[in-house]
Amino acid sequence: MLQKKIHQIPKVFEGEVIEFEVSVEPDSDLDGMMARYLRLPYGSKLVKVRRHNNEFIPHQDTVFWSGDELFFTADSGFVSEVKKQLDKLN
């Protein structure tokens, strides 16, 4: 029984990694924010930005602009938490 408990995988890690996008709204907290100040929940990551049909991998000094599309990945168990946090900023 103890062996079973030791090797259990937490529910949030069962499943898959989900990719989703968020468009930066004008005058939101994300508009003008530097990537280094974006605090994401555990199990999630900003992986790419699309700006004027160009895509790039963001770095700490990337500033988000209105109209940017931000692409995130998250473990499936964390997606709703990540989206809630991003909704507060956008």
PDB file of N, CA and C in Angstrom:
ATOM      1  N   MET A   1       0.822  -1.189   0.000  1.00  0.00           N
ATOM      2  CA  MET A   1       0.000   0.000   0.000  1.00  0.00           C
ATOM      3  C   MET A   1       0.873   1.263   0.000  1.00  0.00           C
ATOM      4  N   LEU A   2       1.903   1.262   0.835  1.00  0.00           N
ATOM      5  CA  LEU A   2       2.813   2.403   0.876  1.00  0.00           C
ATOM      6  C   LEU A   2       3.483   2.592  -0.481  1.00  0.00           C
ATOM      7  N   GLN A   3       3.856   1.511  -1.112  1.00  0.00           N
ATOM      8  CA  GLN A   3       4.485   1.574  -2.431  1.00  0.00           C
ATOM      9  C   GLN A   3       3.568   2.262  -3.444  1.00  0.00           C
ATOM     10  N   LYS A   4       2.261   1.981  -3.378  1.00  0.00           N
ATOM     11  CA  LYS A   4       1.298   2.612  -4.273  1.00  0.00           C
ATOM     12  C   LYS A   4       1.258   4.116  -4.064  1.00  0.00           C
ATOM     13  N   LYS A   5       1.248   4.547  -2.809  1.00  0.00           N
ATOM     14  CA  LYS A   5       1.185   5.976  -2.492  1.00  0.00           C
ATOM     15  C   LYS A   5       2.446   6.708  -2.943  1.00  0.00           C
ATOM     16  N   ILE A   6       3.582   6.091  -2.796  1.00  0.00           N
ATOM     17  CA  ILE A   6       4.849   6.712  -3.176  1.00  0.00           C
ATOM     18  C   ILE A   6       4.894   6.971  -4.680  1.00  0.00           C
ATOM     19  N   HIS A   7       4.355   6.068  -5.460  1.00  0.00           N
ATOM     20  CA  HIS A   7       4.449   6.175  -6.911  1.00  0.00           C
ATOM     21  C   HIS A   7       3.215   6.802  -7.559  1.00  0.00           C
ATOM     22  N   GLN A   8       2.349   7.400  -6.770  1.00  0.00           N
ATOM     23  CA  GLN A   8       1.186   8.063  -7.344  1.00  0.00           C
ATOM     24  C   GLN A   8       1.600   9.385  -7.968  1.00  0.00           C
ATOM     25  N   ILE A   9       0.983   9.681  -9.087  1.00  0.00           N
ATOM     26  CA  ILE A   9       1.215  10.950  -9.770  1.00  0.00           C
ATOM     27  C   ILE A   9       0.090  11.896  -9.371  1.00  0.00           C
ATOM     28  N   PRO A  10       0.407  13.119  -8.922  1.00  0.00           N
ATOM     29  CA  PRO A  10      -0.658  14.061  -8.573  1.00  0.00           C
ATOM     30  C   PRO A  10      -1.607  14.274  -9.752  1.00  0.00           C
ATOM     31  N   LYS A  11      -2.886  14.471  -9.449  1.00  0.00           N
ATOM     32  CA  LYS A  11      -3.914  14.609 -10.490  1.00  0.00           C
ATOM     33  C   LYS A  11      -3.587  15.698 -11.504  1.00  0.00           C
ATOM     34  N   VAL A  12      -2.999  16.810 -11.065  1.00  0.00           N
ATOM     35  CA  VAL A  12      -2.727  17.905 -11.995  1.00  0.00           C
ATOM     36  C   VAL A  12      -1.701  17.530 -13.065  1.00  0.00           C
ATOM     37  N   PHE A  13      -0.900  16.503 -12.827  1.00  0.00           N
ATOM     38  CA  PHE A  13       0.109  16.105 -13.804  1.00  0.00           C
ATOM     39  C   PHE A  13      -0.361  14.967 -14.702  1.00  0.00           C
ATOM     40  N   GLU A  14      -1.550  14.468 -14.462  1.00  0.00           N
ATOM     41  CA  GLU A  14      -2.084  13.423 -15.331  1.00  0.00           C
ATOM     42  C   GLU A  14      -2.687  14.096 -16.548  1.00  0.00           C
ATOM     43  N   GLY A  15      -2.432  13.590 -17.691  1.00  0.00           N
ATOM     44  CA  GLY A  15      -3.043  14.180 -18.872  1.00  0.00           C
ATOM     45  C   GLY A  15      -2.015  14.678 -19.841  1.00  0.00           C
ATOM     46  N   GLU A  16      -2.103  15.983 -20.125  1.00  0.00           N
ATOM     47  CA  GLU A  16      -1.295  16.518 -21.205  1.00  0.00           C
ATOM     48  C   GLU A  16      -0.941  17.976 -20.959  1.00  0.00           C
ATOM     49  N   VAL A  17      -0.089  18.482 -21.832  1.00  0.00           N
ATOM     50  CA  VAL A  17       0.258  19.900 -21.812  1.00  0.00           C
ATOM     51  C   VAL A  17      -0.644  20.580 -22.830  1.00  0.00           C
ATOM     52  N   ILE A  18      -1.270  21.658 -22.406  1.00  0.00           N
ATOM     53  CA  ILE A  18      -2.210  22.394 -23.246  1.00  0.00           C
ATOM     54  C   ILE A  18      -1.561  23.701 -23.680  1.00  0.00           C
ATOM     55  N   GLU A  19      -1.726  24.069 -24.954  1.00  0.00           N
ATOM     56  CA  GLU A  19      -1.286  25.383 -25.428  1.00  0.00           C
ATOM     57  C   GLU A  19      -2.522  26.231 -25.667  1.00  0.00           C
ATOM     58  N   PHE A  20      -2.470  27.481 -25.214  1.00  0.00           N
ATOM     59  CA  PHE A  20      -3.575  28.397 -25.449  1.00  0.00           C
ATOM     60  C   PHE A  20      -3.008  29.798 -25.616  1.00  0.00           C
ATOM     61  N   GLU A  21      -3.833  30.686 -26.164  1.00  0.00           N
ATOM     62  CA  GLU A  21      -3.350  32.037 -26.430  1.00  0.00           C
ATOM     63  C   GLU A  21      -4.261  33.067 -25.797  1.00  0.00           C
ATOM     64  N   VAL A  22      -3.673  34.217 -25.546  1.00  0.00           N
ATOM     65  CA  VAL A  22      -4.392  35.363 -24.996  1.00  0.00           C
ATOM     66  C   VAL A  22      -3.975  36.580 -25.808  1.00  0.00           C
ATOM     67  N   SER A  23      -4.938  37.351 -26.277  1.00  0.00           N
ATOM     68  CA  SER A  23      -4.646  38.599 -26.986  1.00  0.00           C
ATOM     69  C   SER A  23      -4.593  39.735 -25.975  1.00  0.00           C
ATOM     70  N   VAL A  24      -3.561  40.546 -26.062  1.00  0.00           N
ATOM     71  CA  VAL A  24      -3.399  41.668 -25.132  1.00  0.00           C
ATOM     72  C   VAL A  24      -4.394  42.769 -25.519  1.00  0.00           C
ATOM     73  N   GLU A  25      -5.235  43.129 -24.569  1.00  0.00           N
ATOM     74  CA  GLU A  25      -6.261  44.150 -24.789  1.00  0.00           C
ATOM     75  C   GLU A  25      -5.672  45.548 -24.555  1.00  0.00           C
ATOM     76  N   PRO A  26      -6.160  46.548 -25.301  1.00  0.00           N
ATOM     77  CA  PRO A  26      -5.677  47.923 -25.103  1.00  0.00           C
ATOM     78  C   PRO A  26      -5.971  48.394 -23.671  1.00  0.00           C
ATOM     79  N   ASP A  27      -5.018  49.092 -23.101  1.00  0.00           N
ATOM     80  CA  ASP A  27      -5.140  49.686 -21.765  1.00  0.00           C
ATOM     81  C   ASP A  27      -5.339  48.671 -20.643  1.00  0.00           C
ATOM     82  N   SER A  28      -5.022  47.408 -20.885  1.00  0.00           N
ATOM     83  CA  SER A  28      -5.082  46.410 -19.815  1.00  0.00           C
ATOM     84  C   SER A  28      -3.765  46.449 -19.043  1.00  0.00           C
ATOM     85  N   ASP A  29      -3.704  45.713 -17.954  1.00  0.00           N
ATOM     86  CA  ASP A  29      -2.452  45.630 -17.195  1.00  0.00           C
ATOM     87  C   ASP A  29      -1.344  44.955 -17.998  1.00  0.00           C
ATOM     88  N   LEU A  30      -1.723  44.078 -18.928  1.00  0.00           N
ATOM     89  CA  LEU A  30      -0.714  43.425 -19.778  1.00  0.00           C
ATOM     90  C   LEU A  30      -0.132  44.385 -20.809  1.00  0.00           C
ATOM     91  N   ASP A  31      -0.932  45.354 -21.260  1.00  0.00           N
ATOM     92  CA  ASP A  31      -0.491  46.315 -22.273  1.00  0.00           C
ATOM     93  C   ASP A  31       0.607  47.194 -21.675  1.00  0.00           C
ATOM     94  N   GLY A  32       1.824  47.040 -22.174  1.00  0.00           N
ATOM     95  CA  GLY A  32       2.968  47.795 -21.667  1.00  0.00           C
ATOM     96  C   GLY A  32       3.748  47.075 -20.577  1.00  0.00           C
ATOM     97  N   MET A  33       3.283  45.899 -20.169  1.00  0.00           N
ATOM     98  CA  MET A  33       3.983  45.132 -19.125  1.00  0.00           C
ATOM     99  C   MET A  33       5.221  44.461 -19.702  1.00  0.00           C
ATOM    100  N   MET A  34       6.292  44.459 -18.930  1.00  0.00           N
ATOM    101  CA  MET A  34       7.505  43.747 -19.312  1.00  0.00           C
ATOM    102  C   MET A  34       7.367  42.283 -18.872  1.00  0.00           C
ATOM    103  N   ALA A  35       7.811  41.363 -19.693  1.00  0.00           N
ATOM    104  CA  ALA A  35       7.654  39.928 -19.434  1.00  0.00           C
ATOM    105  C   ALA A  35       8.178  39.525 -18.058  1.00  0.00           C
ATOM    106  N   ARG A  36       9.218  40.158 -17.584  1.00  0.00           N
ATOM    107  CA  ARG A  36       9.786  39.775 -16.287  1.00  0.00           C
ATOM    108  C   ARG A  36       8.812  39.980 -15.132  1.00  0.00           C
ATOM    109  N   TYR A  37       7.794  40.826 -15.329  1.00  0.00           N
ATOM    110  CA  TYR A  37       6.834  41.106 -14.263  1.00  0.00           C
ATOM    111  C   TYR A  37       5.578  40.238 -14.358  1.00  0.00           C
ATOM    112  N   LEU A  38       5.494  39.412 -15.365  1.00  0.00           N
ATOM    113  CA  LEU A  38       4.359  38.508 -15.508  1.00  0.00           C
ATOM    114  C   LEU A  38       4.591  37.298 -14.613  1.00  0.00           C
ATOM    115  N   ARG A  39       3.806  37.183 -13.571  1.00  0.00           N
ATOM    116  CA  ARG A  39       3.928  36.060 -12.635  1.00  0.00           C
ATOM    117  C   ARG A  39       2.875  35.025 -12.980  1.00  0.00           C
ATOM    118  N   LEU A  40       3.336  33.872 -13.391  1.00  0.00           N
ATOM    119  CA  LEU A  40       2.435  32.798 -13.785  1.00  0.00           C
ATOM    120  C   LEU A  40       2.406  31.719 -12.714  1.00  0.00           C
ATOM    121  N   PRO A  41       1.274  31.049 -12.584  1.00  0.00           N
ATOM    122  CA  PRO A  41       1.192  29.944 -11.629  1.00  0.00           C
ATOM    123  C   PRO A  41       2.150  28.812 -12.008  1.00  0.00           C
ATOM    124  N   TYR A  42       2.497  28.019 -11.028  1.00  0.00           N
ATOM    125  CA  TYR A  42       3.319  26.828 -11.214  1.00  0.00           C
ATOM    126  C   TYR A  42       2.699  25.961 -12.309  1.00  0.00           C
ATOM    127  N   GLY A  43       3.518  25.371 -13.126  1.00  0.00           N
ATOM    128  CA  GLY A  43       3.040  24.463 -14.166  1.00  0.00           C
ATOM    129  C   GLY A  43       2.654  25.156 -15.455  1.00  0.00           C
ATOM    130  N   SER A  44       3.086  26.423 -15.621  1.00  0.00           N
ATOM    131  CA  SER A  44       2.729  27.151 -16.837  1.00  0.00           C
ATOM    132  C   SER A  44       3.913  27.980 -17.311  1.00  0.00           C
ATOM    133  N   LYS A  45       3.871  28.344 -18.597  1.00  0.00           N
ATOM    134  CA  LYS A  45       4.986  29.095 -19.171  1.00  0.00           C
ATOM    135  C   LYS A  45       4.533  29.870 -20.400  1.00  0.00           C
ATOM    136  N   LEU A  46       5.040  31.088 -20.543  1.00  0.00           N
ATOM    137  CA  LEU A  46       4.855  31.868 -21.766  1.00  0.00           C
ATOM    138  C   LEU A  46       5.903  31.382 -22.761  1.00  0.00           C
ATOM    139  N   VAL A  47       5.462  30.919 -23.938  1.00  0.00           N
ATOM    140  CA  VAL A  47       6.406  30.305 -24.870  1.00  0.00           C
ATOM    141  C   VAL A  47       6.638  31.094 -26.152  1.00  0.00           C
ATOM    142  N   LYS A  48       5.661  31.961 -26.527  1.00  0.00           N
ATOM    143  CA  LYS A  48       5.832  32.658 -27.799  1.00  0.00           C
ATOM    144  C   LYS A  48       4.920  33.871 -27.830  1.00  0.00           C
ATOM    145  N   VAL A  49       5.336  34.863 -28.619  1.00  0.00           N
ATOM    146  CA  VAL A  49       4.530  36.064 -28.854  1.00  0.00           C
ATOM    147  C   VAL A  49       4.375  36.227 -30.357  1.00  0.00           C
ATOM    148  N   ARG A  50       3.151  36.532 -30.773  1.00  0.00           N
ATOM    149  CA  ARG A  50       2.905  36.867 -32.179  1.00  0.00           C
ATOM    150  C   ARG A  50       2.542  38.351 -32.215  1.00  0.00           C
ATOM    151  N   ARG A  51       3.316  39.097 -33.009  1.00  0.00           N
ATOM    152  CA  ARG A  51       3.111  40.547 -33.150  1.00  0.00           C
ATOM    153  C   ARG A  51       3.184  40.885 -34.629  1.00  0.00           C
ATOM    154  N   HIS A  52       2.116  41.426 -35.160  1.00  0.00           N
ATOM    155  CA  HIS A  52       2.054  41.807 -36.581  1.00  0.00           C
ATOM    156  C   HIS A  52       2.505  40.660 -37.484  1.00  0.00           C
ATOM    157  N   ASN A  53       1.955  39.490 -37.265  1.00  0.00           N
ATOM    158  CA  ASN A  53       2.240  38.289 -38.061  1.00  0.00           C
ATOM    159  C   ASN A  53       3.669  37.779 -37.936  1.00  0.00           C
ATOM    160  N   ASN A  54       4.444  38.308 -37.006  1.00  0.00           N
ATOM    161  CA  ASN A  54       5.779  37.794 -36.723  1.00  0.00           C
ATOM    162  C   ASN A  54       5.744  37.108 -35.365  1.00  0.00           C
ATOM    163  N   GLU A  55       6.429  35.990 -35.262  1.00  0.00           N
ATOM    164  CA  GLU A  55       6.489  35.262 -34.003  1.00  0.00           C
ATOM    165  C   GLU A  55       7.898  35.280 -33.450  1.00  0.00           C
ATOM    166  N   PHE A  56       7.988  35.363 -32.125  1.00  0.00           N
ATOM    167  CA  PHE A  56       9.297  35.307 -31.474  1.00  0.00           C
ATOM    168  C   PHE A  56       9.151  34.744 -30.075  1.00  0.00           C
ATOM    169  N   ILE A  57      10.250  34.251 -29.563  1.00  0.00           N
ATOM    170  CA  ILE A  57      10.292  33.749 -28.193  1.00  0.00           C
ATOM    171  C   ILE A  57      10.594  34.939 -27.294  1.00  0.00           C
ATOM    172  N   PRO A  58       9.732  35.196 -26.322  1.00  0.00           N
ATOM    173  CA  PRO A  58       9.939  36.365 -25.467  1.00  0.00           C
ATOM    174  C   PRO A  58      11.115  36.172 -24.513  1.00  0.00           C
ATOM    175  N   HIS A  59      11.715  37.262 -24.121  1.00  0.00           N
ATOM    176  CA  HIS A  59      12.770  37.255 -23.119  1.00  0.00           C
ATOM    177  C   HIS A  59      12.327  38.170 -21.985  1.00  0.00           C
ATOM    178  N   GLN A  60      13.123  38.301 -20.973  1.00  0.00           N
ATOM    179  CA  GLN A  60      12.757  39.077 -19.783  1.00  0.00           C
ATOM    180  C   GLN A  60      12.421  40.529 -20.095  1.00  0.00           C
ATOM    181  N   ASP A  61      13.054  41.103 -21.112  1.00  0.00           N
ATOM    182  CA  ASP A  61      12.853  42.515 -21.436  1.00  0.00           C
ATOM    183  C   ASP A  61      11.773  42.756 -22.491  1.00  0.00           C
ATOM    184  N   THR A  62      11.099  41.704 -22.943  1.00  0.00           N
ATOM    185  CA  THR A  62      10.020  41.873 -23.917  1.00  0.00           C
ATOM    186  C   THR A  62       8.881  42.666 -23.280  1.00  0.00           C
ATOM    187  N   VAL A  63       8.422  43.688 -23.991  1.00  0.00           N
ATOM    188  CA  VAL A  63       7.279  44.481 -23.533  1.00  0.00           C
ATOM    189  C   VAL A  63       6.081  44.069 -24.376  1.00  0.00           C
ATOM    190  N   PHE A  64       4.973  43.748 -23.715  1.00  0.00           N
ATOM    191  CA  PHE A  64       3.757  43.355 -24.416  1.00  0.00           C
ATOM    192  C   PHE A  64       3.033  44.591 -24.920  1.00  0.00           C
ATOM    193  N   TRP A  65       2.537  44.499 -26.137  1.00  0.00           N
ATOM    194  CA  TRP A  65       1.800  45.594 -26.756  1.00  0.00           C
ATOM    195  C   TRP A  65       0.365  45.167 -26.980  1.00  0.00           C
ATOM    196  N   SER A  66      -0.514  46.130 -27.024  1.00  0.00           N
ATOM    197  CA  SER A  66      -1.908  45.871 -27.361  1.00  0.00           C
ATOM    198  C   SER A  66      -1.957  45.161 -28.714  1.00  0.00           C
ATOM    199  N   GLY A  67      -2.725  44.104 -28.799  1.00  0.00           N
ATOM    200  CA  GLY A  67      -2.826  43.332 -30.041  1.00  0.00           C
ATOM    201  C   GLY A  67      -1.878  42.153 -30.111  1.00  0.00           C
ATOM    202  N   ASP A  68      -0.868  42.106 -29.242  1.00  0.00           N
ATOM    203  CA  ASP A  68       0.013  40.938 -29.207  1.00  0.00           C
ATOM    204  C   ASP A  68      -0.804  39.705 -28.855  1.00  0.00           C
ATOM    205  N   GLU A  69      -0.423  38.583 -29.431  1.00  0.00           N
ATOM    206  CA  GLU A  69      -1.001  37.310 -29.044  1.00  0.00           C
ATOM    207  C   GLU A  69       0.066  36.567 -28.256  1.00  0.00           C
ATOM    208  N   LEU A  70      -0.238  36.262 -27.009  1.00  0.00           N
ATOM    209  CA  LEU A  70       0.687  35.569 -26.123  1.00  0.00           C
ATOM    210  C   LEU A  70       0.294  34.101 -26.082  1.00  0.00           C
ATOM    211  N   PHE A  71       1.256  33.230 -26.299  1.00  0.00           N
ATOM    212  CA  PHE A  71       1.006  31.789 -26.307  1.00  0.00           C
ATOM    213  C   PHE A  71       1.602  31.173 -25.051  1.00  0.00           C
ATOM    214  N   PHE A  72       0.774  30.427 -24.349  1.00  0.00           N
ATOM    215  CA  PHE A  72       1.164  29.795 -23.089  1.00  0.00           C
ATOM    216  C   PHE A  72       1.021  28.294 -23.207  1.00  0.00           C
ATOM    217  N   THR A  73       1.813  27.584 -22.428  1.00  0.00           N
ATOM    218  CA  THR A  73       1.605  26.153 -22.227  1.00  0.00           C
ATOM    219  C   THR A  73       1.410  25.948 -20.739  1.00  0.00           C
ATOM    220  N   ALA A  74       0.601  24.946 -20.423  1.00  0.00           N
ATOM    221  CA  ALA A  74       0.363  24.618 -19.024  1.00  0.00           C
ATOM    222  C   ALA A  74      -0.031  23.158 -18.920  1.00  0.00           C
ATOM    223  N   ASP A  75       0.336  22.543 -17.807  1.00  0.00           N
ATOM    224  CA  ASP A  75      -0.166  21.204 -17.531  1.00  0.00           C
ATOM    225  C   ASP A  75      -1.685  21.309 -17.467  1.00  0.00           C
ATOM    226  N   SER A  76      -2.380  20.325 -18.012  1.00  0.00           N
ATOM    227  CA  SER A  76      -3.831  20.408 -18.144  1.00  0.00           C
ATOM    228  C   SER A  76      -4.529  20.731 -16.819  1.00  0.00           C
ATOM    229  N   GLY A  77      -3.982  20.287 -15.716  1.00  0.00           N
ATOM    230  CA  GLY A  77      -4.587  20.549 -14.415  1.00  0.00           C
ATOM    231  C   GLY A  77      -4.436  21.982 -13.941  1.00  0.00           C
ATOM    232  N   PHE A  78      -3.592  22.770 -14.592  1.00  0.00           N
ATOM    233  CA  PHE A  78      -3.353  24.151 -14.175  1.00  0.00           C
ATOM    234  C   PHE A  78      -3.970  25.190 -15.114  1.00  0.00           C
ATOM    235  N   VAL A  79      -4.532  24.766 -16.247  1.00  0.00           N
ATOM    236  CA  VAL A  79      -4.999  25.701 -17.270  1.00  0.00           C
ATOM    237  C   VAL A  79      -6.023  26.690 -16.717  1.00  0.00           C
ATOM    238  N   SER A  80      -7.001  26.217 -15.984  1.00  0.00           N
ATOM    239  CA  SER A  80      -8.042  27.129 -15.495  1.00  0.00           C
ATOM    240  C   SER A  80      -7.459  28.164 -14.539  1.00  0.00           C
ATOM    241  N   GLU A  81      -6.517  27.765 -13.702  1.00  0.00           N
ATOM    242  CA  GLU A  81      -5.871  28.704 -12.783  1.00  0.00           C
ATOM    243  C   GLU A  81      -5.073  29.766 -13.544  1.00  0.00           C
ATOM    244  N   VAL A  82      -4.364  29.348 -14.577  1.00  0.00           N
ATOM    245  CA  VAL A  82      -3.576  30.280 -15.382  1.00  0.00           C
ATOM    246  C   VAL A  82      -4.496  31.269 -16.096  1.00  0.00           C
ATOM    247  N   LYS A  83      -5.564  30.767 -16.695  1.00  0.00           N
ATOM    248  CA  LYS A  83      -6.496  31.641 -17.406  1.00  0.00           C
ATOM    249  C   LYS A  83      -7.149  32.649 -16.458  1.00  0.00           C
ATOM    250  N   LYS A  84      -7.492  32.227 -15.256  1.00  0.00           N
ATOM    251  CA  LYS A  84      -8.074  33.148 -14.270  1.00  0.00           C
ATOM    252  C   LYS A  84      -7.114  34.286 -13.964  1.00  0.00           C
ATOM    253  N   GLN A  85      -5.849  33.930 -13.752  1.00  0.00           N
ATOM    254  CA  GLN A  85      -4.861  34.958 -13.433  1.00  0.00           C
ATOM    255  C   GLN A  85      -4.670  35.925 -14.615  1.00  0.00           C
ATOM    256  N   LEU A  86      -4.613  35.383 -15.832  1.00  0.00           N
ATOM    257  CA  LEU A  86      -4.442  36.229 -17.011  1.00  0.00           C
ATOM    258  C   LEU A  86      -5.672  37.111 -17.247  1.00  0.00           C
ATOM    259  N   ASP A  87      -6.853  36.583 -16.970  1.00  0.00           N
ATOM    260  CA  ASP A  87      -8.080  37.392 -17.109  1.00  0.00           C
ATOM    261  C   ASP A  87      -8.059  38.603 -16.191  1.00  0.00           C
ATOM    262  N   LYS A  88      -7.477  38.459 -15.018  1.00  0.00           N
ATOM    263  CA  LYS A  88      -7.377  39.585 -14.077  1.00  0.00           C
ATOM    264  C   LYS A  88      -6.496  40.696 -14.633  1.00  0.00           C
ATOM    265  N   LEU A  89      -5.489  40.310 -15.412  1.00  0.00           N
ATOM    266  CA  LEU A  89      -4.552  41.287 -15.970  1.00  0.00           C
ATOM    267  C   LEU A  89      -5.021  41.867 -17.298  1.00  0.00           C
ATOM    268  N   ASN A  90      -5.948  41.192 -17.940  1.00  0.00           N
ATOM    269  CA  ASN A  90      -6.332  41.581 -19.282  1.00  0.00           C
ATOM    270  C   ASN A  90      -7.761  42.090 -19.279  1.00  0.00           C
TER     271      ASN A  90
END
